[in-house]
Amino acid sequence: MKPSAATPDLMSHRGKAVVFENIEDCHANIDRPDLEIDESSVIVLKGAGPVGYPGMPEVGNVDLPEKILKKGIKDMVRISDGRMSGTAFGTVILHVSPESSIGGVLGLVQTGDHIVLDVPNRKLHLEVEESELEKRKASWIPPDPASDRGYTNLYINTVQQAHLGADLDFLVGKSSSVVKRDSH
């Protein structure tokens, strides 16, 4: 999270999750008039991490629903395993790791769960009992991979998580920072 780009009133917040399984689900449903969402909700976007998308694209700064924008609301808490442009703004928690597509806790979040954001105390908490999370984890089914061959499959099977830099595991520690040729 980039606190300098967040809304101060949202730095301590509790709200009900509204979950989108991937960016296509989000685009198809975020502006539905019957979507049960209000300005206190927490938008959760899954499937945008290094493995899930694949490639961790800049889709984490989810647009607010039209019905929320019509109320004059300009920011809501949003959580994703993806990333966003460094010039974007908002109360957005990004690079959640381990990501939803490999069974991280983000993958277990369901619409209606309560999420607490407490930036001053550096906490993000899913208010779901541990026993319930264990049940969800036991029945969790990973999404189908984006590819079962080629470079995309190699990437999916070897990319590390965001907190490790989303580097390919077989390249870690194998390269230098010296650029020997003009890169233009």
N, C-alpha and C. Protein backbone atom coordinates (compact mmCIF):
# COMPACT_ATOMS: atom_id res chain seq x y z
N MET A 1 0.85 -1.17 0.00
CA MET A 1 0.00 0.00 0.00
C MET A 1 0.89 1.23 0.00
N LYS A 2 0.43 2.23 -0.70
CA LYS A 2 1.14 3.51 -0.73
C LYS A 2 0.32 4.49 0.10
N PRO A 3 0.62 4.62 1.39
CA PRO A 3 -0.19 5.48 2.27
C PRO A 3 -0.34 6.92 1.78
N SER A 4 0.68 7.45 1.13
CA SER A 4 0.59 8.84 0.66
C SER A 4 -0.46 9.00 -0.44
N ALA A 5 -0.87 7.92 -1.07
CA ALA A 5 -1.89 7.98 -2.13
C ALA A 5 -3.27 7.55 -1.63
N ALA A 6 -3.36 7.19 -0.35
CA ALA A 6 -4.61 6.68 0.22
C ALA A 6 -5.44 7.81 0.84
N THR A 7 -6.71 7.53 1.03
CA THR A 7 -7.61 8.45 1.70
C THR A 7 -7.43 8.29 3.21
N PRO A 8 -7.07 9.36 3.91
CA PRO A 8 -6.79 9.25 5.35
C PRO A 8 -7.90 8.57 6.15
N ASP A 9 -9.15 8.86 5.84
CA ASP A 9 -10.27 8.26 6.58
C ASP A 9 -10.39 6.75 6.38
N LEU A 10 -9.75 6.22 5.35
CA LEU A 10 -9.83 4.78 5.08
C LEU A 10 -8.64 4.00 5.63
N MET A 11 -7.70 4.70 6.26
CA MET A 11 -6.50 4.02 6.77
C MET A 11 -6.83 3.08 7.93
N SER A 12 -7.93 3.31 8.59
CA SER A 12 -8.48 2.39 9.60
C SER A 12 -9.91 2.13 9.15
N HIS A 13 -10.18 0.91 8.73
CA HIS A 13 -11.47 0.63 8.09
C HIS A 13 -11.85 -0.83 8.30
N ARG A 14 -13.14 -1.06 8.42
CA ARG A 14 -13.70 -2.41 8.47
C ARG A 14 -14.87 -2.44 7.51
N GLY A 15 -14.90 -3.44 6.63
CA GLY A 15 -15.98 -3.53 5.68
C GLY A 15 -16.19 -4.94 5.18
N LYS A 16 -17.33 -5.14 4.52
CA LYS A 16 -17.65 -6.44 3.93
C LYS A 16 -16.99 -6.57 2.57
N ALA A 17 -16.41 -7.73 2.34
CA ALA A 17 -15.74 -8.01 1.07
C ALA A 17 -16.76 -8.18 -0.05
N VAL A 18 -16.41 -7.62 -1.19
CA VAL A 18 -17.10 -7.89 -2.45
C VAL A 18 -16.02 -8.46 -3.35
N VAL A 19 -16.12 -9.75 -3.66
CA VAL A 19 -15.04 -10.49 -4.29
C VAL A 19 -15.28 -10.68 -5.79
N PHE A 20 -14.21 -10.43 -6.54
CA PHE A 20 -14.18 -10.74 -7.97
C PHE A 20 -13.07 -11.76 -8.17
N GLU A 21 -13.38 -12.87 -8.81
CA GLU A 21 -12.43 -13.97 -8.96
C GLU A 21 -11.28 -13.66 -9.91
N ASN A 22 -11.51 -12.74 -10.84
CA ASN A 22 -10.47 -12.32 -11.78
C ASN A 22 -10.90 -11.01 -12.41
N ILE A 23 -10.04 -10.43 -13.22
CA ILE A 23 -10.34 -9.11 -13.79
C ILE A 23 -11.53 -9.17 -14.75
N GLU A 24 -11.72 -10.30 -15.44
CA GLU A 24 -12.88 -10.41 -16.34
C GLU A 24 -14.18 -10.40 -15.54
N ASP A 25 -14.20 -11.12 -14.41
CA ASP A 25 -15.36 -11.11 -13.51
C ASP A 25 -15.63 -9.69 -13.04
N CYS A 26 -14.58 -8.98 -12.69
CA CYS A 26 -14.73 -7.60 -12.22
C CYS A 26 -15.32 -6.72 -13.33
N HIS A 27 -14.73 -6.76 -14.50
CA HIS A 27 -15.23 -5.92 -15.60
C HIS A 27 -16.69 -6.25 -15.94
N ALA A 28 -17.06 -7.51 -15.87
CA ALA A 28 -18.42 -7.92 -16.23
C ALA A 28 -19.45 -7.53 -15.18
N ASN A 29 -19.01 -7.36 -13.91
CA ASN A 29 -19.99 -7.22 -12.84
C ASN A 29 -19.89 -5.96 -11.97
N ILE A 30 -18.81 -5.22 -12.05
CA ILE A 30 -18.60 -4.10 -11.13
C ILE A 30 -19.68 -3.02 -11.25
N ASP A 31 -20.25 -2.85 -12.43
CA ASP A 31 -21.26 -1.82 -12.62
C ASP A 31 -22.69 -2.36 -12.67
N ARG A 32 -22.87 -3.63 -12.30
CA ARG A 32 -24.24 -4.17 -12.25
C ARG A 32 -25.05 -3.39 -11.22
N PRO A 33 -26.23 -2.92 -11.58
CA PRO A 33 -27.04 -2.17 -10.62
C PRO A 33 -27.43 -2.98 -9.38
N ASP A 34 -27.51 -4.31 -9.53
CA ASP A 34 -27.91 -5.15 -8.40
C ASP A 34 -26.73 -5.65 -7.57
N LEU A 35 -25.51 -5.20 -7.89
CA LEU A 35 -24.34 -5.60 -7.11
C LEU A 35 -24.48 -5.05 -5.70
N GLU A 36 -24.39 -5.96 -4.71
CA GLU A 36 -24.52 -5.53 -3.32
C GLU A 36 -23.19 -4.97 -2.84
N ILE A 37 -23.06 -3.66 -2.99
CA ILE A 37 -21.83 -2.96 -2.63
C ILE A 37 -22.19 -1.54 -2.22
N ASP A 38 -21.48 -1.03 -1.23
CA ASP A 38 -21.61 0.37 -0.87
C ASP A 38 -20.22 0.90 -0.55
N GLU A 39 -20.14 2.16 -0.19
CA GLU A 39 -18.84 2.80 0.01
C GLU A 39 -18.04 2.21 1.17
N SER A 40 -18.69 1.47 2.06
CA SER A 40 -17.96 0.85 3.17
C SER A 40 -17.42 -0.55 2.81
N SER A 41 -17.80 -1.05 1.65
CA SER A 41 -17.35 -2.37 1.21
C SER A 41 -15.85 -2.36 0.92
N VAL A 42 -15.27 -3.55 0.88
CA VAL A 42 -13.87 -3.74 0.50
C VAL A 42 -13.88 -4.57 -0.78
N ILE A 43 -13.38 -3.99 -1.86
CA ILE A 43 -13.33 -4.70 -3.13
C ILE A 43 -12.11 -5.61 -3.13
N VAL A 44 -12.32 -6.88 -3.44
CA VAL A 44 -11.24 -7.87 -3.49
C VAL A 44 -11.15 -8.41 -4.91
N LEU A 45 -9.97 -8.25 -5.52
CA LEU A 45 -9.72 -8.79 -6.85
C LEU A 45 -8.70 -9.91 -6.73
N LYS A 46 -9.12 -11.11 -7.10
CA LYS A 46 -8.24 -12.28 -7.09
C LYS A 46 -7.70 -12.51 -8.51
N GLY A 47 -6.75 -13.44 -8.60
CA GLY A 47 -6.28 -13.91 -9.89
C GLY A 47 -5.46 -12.92 -10.70
N ALA A 48 -4.82 -11.96 -10.04
CA ALA A 48 -4.03 -10.96 -10.76
C ALA A 48 -2.55 -11.02 -10.40
N GLY A 49 -2.15 -12.07 -9.71
CA GLY A 49 -0.76 -12.21 -9.28
C GLY A 49 0.12 -12.80 -10.37
N PRO A 50 1.38 -13.07 -10.02
CA PRO A 50 2.33 -13.59 -11.00
C PRO A 50 1.85 -14.88 -11.68
N VAL A 51 1.31 -15.82 -10.93
CA VAL A 51 0.83 -17.08 -11.49
C VAL A 51 -0.56 -16.93 -12.07
N GLY A 52 -1.44 -16.25 -11.37
CA GLY A 52 -2.85 -16.21 -11.73
C GLY A 52 -3.20 -15.50 -13.01
N TYR A 53 -2.52 -14.42 -13.32
CA TYR A 53 -2.93 -13.68 -14.51
C TYR A 53 -2.49 -14.37 -15.79
N PRO A 54 -1.34 -14.82 -16.05
CA PRO A 54 -0.08 -14.67 -15.32
C PRO A 54 0.63 -13.37 -15.68
N GLY A 55 1.55 -13.00 -14.80
CA GLY A 55 2.41 -11.88 -15.08
C GLY A 55 2.22 -10.65 -14.22
N MET A 56 1.27 -10.64 -13.31
CA MET A 56 1.07 -9.54 -12.38
C MET A 56 0.89 -8.19 -13.10
N PRO A 57 -0.17 -8.02 -13.86
CA PRO A 57 -0.39 -6.80 -14.62
C PRO A 57 -0.87 -5.65 -13.72
N GLU A 58 -0.94 -4.48 -14.29
CA GLU A 58 -1.40 -3.30 -13.56
C GLU A 58 -2.92 -3.22 -13.57
N VAL A 59 -3.57 -4.18 -12.91
CA VAL A 59 -5.04 -4.18 -12.83
C VAL A 59 -5.52 -4.07 -11.38
N GLY A 60 -4.62 -3.92 -10.42
CA GLY A 60 -4.99 -3.90 -9.01
C GLY A 60 -5.77 -2.68 -8.57
N ASN A 61 -5.64 -1.58 -9.29
CA ASN A 61 -6.36 -0.36 -8.94
C ASN A 61 -7.75 -0.40 -9.57
N VAL A 62 -8.57 -1.29 -9.04
CA VAL A 62 -9.91 -1.53 -9.58
C VAL A 62 -10.73 -0.25 -9.58
N ASP A 63 -11.39 0.01 -10.71
CA ASP A 63 -12.28 1.17 -10.78
C ASP A 63 -13.44 0.98 -9.81
N LEU A 64 -13.90 2.09 -9.26
CA LEU A 64 -15.06 2.03 -8.37
C LEU A 64 -16.32 1.81 -9.19
N PRO A 65 -17.32 1.16 -8.58
CA PRO A 65 -18.59 0.94 -9.27
C PRO A 65 -19.26 2.28 -9.61
N GLU A 66 -19.93 2.29 -10.74
CA GLU A 66 -20.62 3.50 -11.19
C GLU A 66 -21.58 4.04 -10.13
N LYS A 67 -22.32 3.14 -9.46
CA LYS A 67 -23.30 3.61 -8.47
C LYS A 67 -22.61 4.26 -7.27
N ILE A 68 -21.38 3.89 -6.97
CA ILE A 68 -20.62 4.51 -5.88
C ILE A 68 -20.11 5.87 -6.36
N LEU A 69 -19.60 5.93 -7.57
CA LEU A 69 -19.11 7.19 -8.13
C LEU A 69 -20.22 8.24 -8.20
N LYS A 70 -21.45 7.79 -8.52
CA LYS A 70 -22.59 8.71 -8.61
C LYS A 70 -22.92 9.34 -7.25
N LYS A 71 -22.50 8.71 -6.16
CA LYS A 71 -22.70 9.27 -4.82
C LYS A 71 -21.63 10.31 -4.48
N GLY A 72 -20.65 10.46 -5.37
CA GLY A 72 -19.56 11.40 -5.11
C GLY A 72 -18.39 10.79 -4.37
N ILE A 73 -18.43 9.48 -4.15
CA ILE A 73 -17.33 8.77 -3.47
C ILE A 73 -16.20 8.60 -4.48
N LYS A 74 -14.98 8.92 -4.05
CA LYS A 74 -13.84 8.85 -4.95
C LYS A 74 -12.84 7.76 -4.59
N ASP A 75 -13.02 7.08 -3.44
CA ASP A 75 -12.07 6.05 -3.04
C ASP A 75 -12.78 5.02 -2.17
N MET A 76 -12.31 3.81 -2.26
CA MET A 76 -12.76 2.70 -1.42
C MET A 76 -11.54 1.83 -1.15
N VAL A 77 -11.59 1.01 -0.12
CA VAL A 77 -10.52 0.06 0.13
C VAL A 77 -10.62 -1.04 -0.93
N ARG A 78 -9.47 -1.33 -1.56
CA ARG A 78 -9.37 -2.37 -2.57
C ARG A 78 -8.15 -3.23 -2.25
N ILE A 79 -8.28 -4.53 -2.49
CA ILE A 79 -7.21 -5.48 -2.20
C ILE A 79 -7.02 -6.39 -3.40
N SER A 80 -5.75 -6.62 -3.77
CA SER A 80 -5.48 -7.48 -4.91
C SER A 80 -4.10 -8.11 -4.80
N ASP A 81 -3.93 -9.23 -5.49
CA ASP A 81 -2.60 -9.83 -5.61
C ASP A 81 -1.89 -9.32 -6.86
N GLY A 82 -2.51 -8.36 -7.55
CA GLY A 82 -1.89 -7.73 -8.71
C GLY A 82 -1.14 -6.47 -8.31
N ARG A 83 -0.91 -5.61 -9.28
CA ARG A 83 -0.21 -4.36 -9.03
C ARG A 83 -0.93 -3.23 -9.74
N MET A 84 -0.46 -2.00 -9.54
CA MET A 84 -1.03 -0.85 -10.23
C MET A 84 0.10 0.11 -10.58
N SER A 85 -0.19 1.04 -11.43
CA SER A 85 0.78 2.04 -11.82
C SER A 85 1.23 2.85 -10.61
N GLY A 86 2.47 3.24 -10.60
CA GLY A 86 3.00 4.06 -9.52
C GLY A 86 2.38 5.45 -9.46
N THR A 87 1.71 5.86 -10.53
CA THR A 87 1.07 7.17 -10.54
C THR A 87 -0.40 7.10 -10.14
N ALA A 88 -0.91 5.90 -9.90
CA ALA A 88 -2.32 5.73 -9.50
C ALA A 88 -2.48 6.12 -8.03
N PHE A 89 -3.73 6.38 -7.64
CA PHE A 89 -3.99 6.74 -6.25
C PHE A 89 -5.09 5.86 -5.70
N GLY A 90 -5.23 5.90 -4.40
CA GLY A 90 -6.33 5.20 -3.75
C GLY A 90 -5.84 4.34 -2.61
N THR A 91 -6.80 3.90 -1.82
CA THR A 91 -6.53 3.04 -0.67
C THR A 91 -6.54 1.61 -1.17
N VAL A 92 -5.40 1.21 -1.72
CA VAL A 92 -5.30 -0.06 -2.42
C VAL A 92 -4.15 -0.89 -1.84
N ILE A 93 -4.47 -2.08 -1.39
CA ILE A 93 -3.48 -3.02 -0.90
C ILE A 93 -3.15 -3.95 -2.07
N LEU A 94 -1.88 -4.02 -2.42
CA LEU A 94 -1.45 -4.75 -3.61
C LEU A 94 -0.40 -5.79 -3.29
N HIS A 95 -0.05 -6.57 -4.30
CA HIS A 95 1.02 -7.56 -4.21
C HIS A 95 0.76 -8.57 -3.10
N VAL A 96 -0.50 -8.84 -2.77
CA VAL A 96 -0.81 -9.79 -1.70
C VAL A 96 -0.14 -11.12 -2.04
N SER A 97 0.56 -11.66 -1.06
CA SER A 97 1.38 -12.84 -1.29
C SER A 97 1.34 -13.74 -0.06
N PRO A 98 1.16 -15.05 -0.22
CA PRO A 98 1.02 -15.76 -1.48
C PRO A 98 -0.32 -15.42 -2.15
N GLU A 99 -0.28 -15.42 -3.44
CA GLU A 99 -1.44 -14.99 -4.23
C GLU A 99 -2.60 -15.98 -4.18
N SER A 100 -3.75 -15.51 -4.60
CA SER A 100 -4.97 -16.32 -4.56
C SER A 100 -4.88 -17.57 -5.42
N SER A 101 -4.23 -17.49 -6.55
CA SER A 101 -4.20 -18.61 -7.50
C SER A 101 -3.35 -19.79 -7.07
N ILE A 102 -2.55 -19.61 -6.02
CA ILE A 102 -1.78 -20.75 -5.52
C ILE A 102 -2.25 -21.17 -4.13
N GLY A 103 -3.38 -20.63 -3.70
CA GLY A 103 -3.95 -21.05 -2.43
C GLY A 103 -3.66 -20.13 -1.26
N GLY A 104 -3.19 -18.92 -1.54
CA GLY A 104 -2.99 -17.96 -0.46
C GLY A 104 -4.32 -17.59 0.19
N VAL A 105 -4.25 -16.97 1.34
CA VAL A 105 -5.48 -16.61 2.08
C VAL A 105 -6.41 -15.77 1.22
N LEU A 106 -5.87 -14.92 0.36
CA LEU A 106 -6.72 -14.10 -0.51
C LEU A 106 -7.67 -14.99 -1.33
N GLY A 107 -7.20 -16.16 -1.70
CA GLY A 107 -8.03 -17.09 -2.47
C GLY A 107 -9.20 -17.67 -1.69
N LEU A 108 -9.17 -17.53 -0.37
CA LEU A 108 -10.22 -18.07 0.49
C LEU A 108 -11.27 -17.03 0.86
N VAL A 109 -11.01 -15.77 0.55
CA VAL A 109 -11.95 -14.70 0.89
C VAL A 109 -13.22 -14.86 0.07
N GLN A 110 -14.36 -14.69 0.74
CA GLN A 110 -15.66 -14.78 0.08
C GLN A 110 -16.43 -13.48 0.27
N THR A 111 -17.29 -13.18 -0.68
CA THR A 111 -18.16 -12.02 -0.55
C THR A 111 -18.93 -12.10 0.76
N GLY A 112 -18.93 -11.02 1.50
CA GLY A 112 -19.62 -10.96 2.79
C GLY A 112 -18.69 -11.09 3.98
N ASP A 113 -17.49 -11.64 3.78
CA ASP A 113 -16.51 -11.70 4.87
C ASP A 113 -16.14 -10.28 5.29
N HIS A 114 -15.85 -10.09 6.54
CA HIS A 114 -15.39 -8.79 7.01
C HIS A 114 -13.86 -8.72 6.97
N ILE A 115 -13.37 -7.59 6.50
CA ILE A 115 -11.93 -7.34 6.42
C ILE A 115 -11.64 -6.06 7.18
N VAL A 116 -10.59 -6.12 8.00
CA VAL A 116 -10.17 -4.95 8.77
C VAL A 116 -8.81 -4.48 8.25
N LEU A 117 -8.74 -3.20 7.91
CA LEU A 117 -7.50 -2.56 7.52
C LEU A 117 -7.12 -1.59 8.64
N ASP A 118 -5.92 -1.73 9.15
CA ASP A 118 -5.41 -0.87 10.22
C ASP A 118 -3.99 -0.46 9.86
N VAL A 119 -3.87 0.56 9.00
CA VAL A 119 -2.56 0.98 8.50
C VAL A 119 -1.66 1.48 9.63
N PRO A 120 -2.17 2.29 10.59
CA PRO A 120 -1.27 2.75 11.65
C PRO A 120 -0.58 1.61 12.40
N ASN A 121 -1.27 0.46 12.53
CA ASN A 121 -0.69 -0.69 13.21
C ASN A 121 -0.21 -1.77 12.24
N ARG A 122 -0.16 -1.43 10.94
CA ARG A 122 0.36 -2.32 9.90
C ARG A 122 -0.34 -3.68 9.90
N LYS A 123 -1.69 -3.65 9.95
CA LYS A 123 -2.45 -4.90 9.99
C LYS A 123 -3.52 -4.92 8.90
N LEU A 124 -3.68 -6.09 8.34
CA LEU A 124 -4.77 -6.40 7.43
C LEU A 124 -5.29 -7.74 7.91
N HIS A 125 -6.57 -7.78 8.29
CA HIS A 125 -7.10 -8.97 8.94
C HIS A 125 -8.42 -9.41 8.31
N LEU A 126 -8.50 -10.68 7.98
CA LEU A 126 -9.73 -11.29 7.51
C LEU A 126 -10.44 -11.87 8.72
N GLU A 127 -11.62 -11.35 9.04
CA GLU A 127 -12.36 -11.78 10.23
C GLU A 127 -13.15 -13.05 9.94
N VAL A 128 -12.43 -14.13 9.78
CA VAL A 128 -13.03 -15.44 9.56
C VAL A 128 -12.32 -16.40 10.50
N GLU A 129 -13.10 -17.20 11.21
CA GLU A 129 -12.53 -18.16 12.16
C GLU A 129 -11.54 -19.10 11.47
N GLU A 130 -10.51 -19.47 12.17
CA GLU A 130 -9.47 -20.36 11.63
C GLU A 130 -10.08 -21.69 11.16
N SER A 131 -11.06 -22.20 11.91
CA SER A 131 -11.69 -23.47 11.51
C SER A 131 -12.41 -23.33 10.17
N GLU A 132 -13.03 -22.19 9.94
CA GLU A 132 -13.71 -21.94 8.67
C GLU A 132 -12.69 -21.82 7.53
N LEU A 133 -11.58 -21.13 7.80
CA LEU A 133 -10.54 -21.02 6.78
C LEU A 133 -9.96 -22.38 6.43
N GLU A 134 -9.81 -23.25 7.43
CA GLU A 134 -9.32 -24.61 7.17
C GLU A 134 -10.28 -25.37 6.28
N LYS A 135 -11.60 -25.22 6.52
CA LYS A 135 -12.60 -25.88 5.67
C LYS A 135 -12.51 -25.35 4.24
N ARG A 136 -12.39 -24.04 4.10
CA ARG A 136 -12.30 -23.44 2.77
C ARG A 136 -11.04 -23.92 2.05
N LYS A 137 -9.95 -23.98 2.78
CA LYS A 137 -8.68 -24.42 2.19
C LYS A 137 -8.79 -25.87 1.72
N ALA A 138 -9.44 -26.71 2.51
CA ALA A 138 -9.59 -28.13 2.17
C ALA A 138 -10.42 -28.32 0.90
N SER A 139 -11.37 -27.43 0.65
CA SER A 139 -12.23 -27.57 -0.53
C SER A 139 -11.80 -26.66 -1.69
N TRP A 140 -10.71 -25.91 -1.50
CA TRP A 140 -10.23 -24.98 -2.53
C TRP A 140 -9.72 -25.76 -3.74
N ILE A 141 -10.11 -25.30 -4.90
CA ILE A 141 -9.66 -25.90 -6.16
C ILE A 141 -8.91 -24.82 -6.93
N PRO A 142 -7.65 -25.09 -7.28
CA PRO A 142 -6.90 -24.05 -8.02
C PRO A 142 -7.52 -23.79 -9.38
N PRO A 143 -7.45 -22.55 -9.83
CA PRO A 143 -7.97 -22.26 -11.17
C PRO A 143 -7.11 -22.95 -12.23
N ASP A 144 -7.70 -23.20 -13.37
CA ASP A 144 -6.95 -23.79 -14.47
C ASP A 144 -5.83 -22.84 -14.87
N PRO A 145 -4.64 -23.36 -15.16
CA PRO A 145 -3.55 -22.48 -15.57
C PRO A 145 -3.84 -21.85 -16.93
N ALA A 146 -3.25 -20.69 -17.15
CA ALA A 146 -3.46 -19.97 -18.41
C ALA A 146 -2.92 -20.74 -19.61
N SER A 147 -1.96 -21.62 -19.36
CA SER A 147 -1.36 -22.40 -20.44
C SER A 147 -0.79 -23.69 -19.87
N ASP A 148 -0.78 -24.72 -20.70
CA ASP A 148 -0.19 -25.98 -20.24
C ASP A 148 1.09 -26.32 -21.01
N ARG A 149 1.62 -25.35 -21.77
CA ARG A 149 2.87 -25.59 -22.50
C ARG A 149 3.54 -24.25 -22.84
N GLY A 150 4.74 -24.33 -23.35
CA GLY A 150 5.44 -23.15 -23.83
C GLY A 150 5.95 -22.24 -22.72
N TYR A 151 6.34 -21.05 -23.14
CA TYR A 151 6.93 -20.10 -22.20
C TYR A 151 5.96 -19.74 -21.07
N THR A 152 4.69 -19.56 -21.39
CA THR A 152 3.73 -19.19 -20.35
C THR A 152 3.67 -20.27 -19.28
N ASN A 153 3.67 -21.52 -19.68
CA ASN A 153 3.66 -22.60 -18.70
C ASN A 153 4.96 -22.65 -17.91
N LEU A 154 6.08 -22.44 -18.56
CA LEU A 154 7.37 -22.37 -17.87
C LEU A 154 7.32 -21.26 -16.82
N TYR A 155 6.81 -20.11 -17.21
CA TYR A 155 6.70 -18.96 -16.30
C TYR A 155 5.81 -19.32 -15.10
N ILE A 156 4.62 -19.83 -15.35
CA ILE A 156 3.67 -20.18 -14.28
C ILE A 156 4.31 -21.14 -13.28
N ASN A 157 5.06 -22.10 -13.79
CA ASN A 157 5.64 -23.13 -12.93
C ASN A 157 6.92 -22.71 -12.22
N THR A 158 7.51 -21.58 -12.60
CA THR A 158 8.78 -21.19 -11.98
C THR A 158 8.79 -19.79 -11.38
N VAL A 159 7.76 -18.99 -11.62
CA VAL A 159 7.76 -17.62 -11.09
C VAL A 159 7.58 -17.65 -9.57
N GLN A 160 8.33 -16.81 -8.91
CA GLN A 160 8.20 -16.68 -7.46
C GLN A 160 7.11 -15.67 -7.14
N GLN A 161 6.72 -15.62 -5.90
CA GLN A 161 5.66 -14.73 -5.47
C GLN A 161 6.15 -13.28 -5.39
N ALA A 162 5.19 -12.36 -5.30
CA ALA A 162 5.49 -10.93 -5.33
C ALA A 162 6.50 -10.51 -4.27
N HIS A 163 6.36 -11.04 -3.06
CA HIS A 163 7.27 -10.62 -1.99
C HIS A 163 8.71 -11.07 -2.25
N LEU A 164 8.90 -11.96 -3.21
CA LEU A 164 10.24 -12.41 -3.60
C LEU A 164 10.69 -11.77 -4.91
N GLY A 165 9.88 -10.86 -5.44
CA GLY A 165 10.26 -10.14 -6.64
C GLY A 165 9.69 -10.67 -7.94
N ALA A 166 8.87 -11.71 -7.88
CA ALA A 166 8.26 -12.31 -9.07
C ALA A 166 9.31 -12.69 -10.12
N ASP A 167 10.47 -13.10 -9.65
CA ASP A 167 11.54 -13.55 -10.53
C ASP A 167 11.34 -15.05 -10.80
N LEU A 168 11.95 -15.55 -11.85
CA LEU A 168 11.91 -16.98 -12.13
C LEU A 168 12.87 -17.68 -11.18
N ASP A 169 12.42 -18.74 -10.55
CA ASP A 169 13.23 -19.37 -9.49
C ASP A 169 14.59 -19.83 -9.97
N PHE A 170 14.72 -20.24 -11.22
CA PHE A 170 16.01 -20.73 -11.71
C PHE A 170 16.97 -19.60 -12.08
N LEU A 171 16.50 -18.33 -12.03
CA LEU A 171 17.37 -17.20 -12.32
C LEU A 171 17.88 -16.50 -11.06
N VAL A 172 17.29 -16.79 -9.93
CA VAL A 172 17.66 -16.10 -8.70
C VAL A 172 19.14 -16.29 -8.42
N GLY A 173 19.84 -15.16 -8.22
CA GLY A 173 21.25 -15.19 -7.91
C GLY A 173 22.15 -15.51 -9.09
N LYS A 174 21.62 -15.53 -10.29
CA LYS A 174 22.41 -15.93 -11.46
C LYS A 174 22.84 -14.77 -12.36
N SER A 175 22.38 -13.56 -12.09
CA SER A 175 22.72 -12.46 -12.98
C SER A 175 23.31 -11.30 -12.19
N SER A 176 23.99 -10.44 -12.92
CA SER A 176 24.57 -9.26 -12.27
C SER A 176 23.77 -8.04 -12.67
N SER A 177 24.11 -6.93 -12.08
CA SER A 177 23.44 -5.69 -12.42
C SER A 177 24.22 -4.90 -13.46
N VAL A 178 25.33 -5.44 -13.93
CA VAL A 178 26.16 -4.75 -14.91
C VAL A 178 25.54 -4.90 -16.30
N VAL A 179 25.30 -3.77 -16.96
CA VAL A 179 24.79 -3.78 -18.32
C VAL A 179 26.00 -3.54 -19.23
N LYS A 180 26.33 -4.52 -20.05
CA LYS A 180 27.54 -4.46 -20.84
C LYS A 180 27.34 -3.83 -22.22
N ARG A 181 26.11 -3.66 -22.65
CA ARG A 181 25.84 -3.10 -23.97
C ARG A 181 24.81 -1.99 -23.84
N ASP A 182 24.80 -1.12 -24.81
CA ASP A 182 23.81 -0.06 -24.87
C ASP A 182 22.45 -0.73 -25.05
N SER A 183 21.48 -0.35 -24.25
CA SER A 183 20.17 -1.02 -24.30
C SER A 183 19.16 -0.29 -25.17
N HIS A 184 19.59 0.61 -26.01
CA HIS A 184 18.66 1.35 -26.87
C HIS A 184 18.53 0.71 -28.22
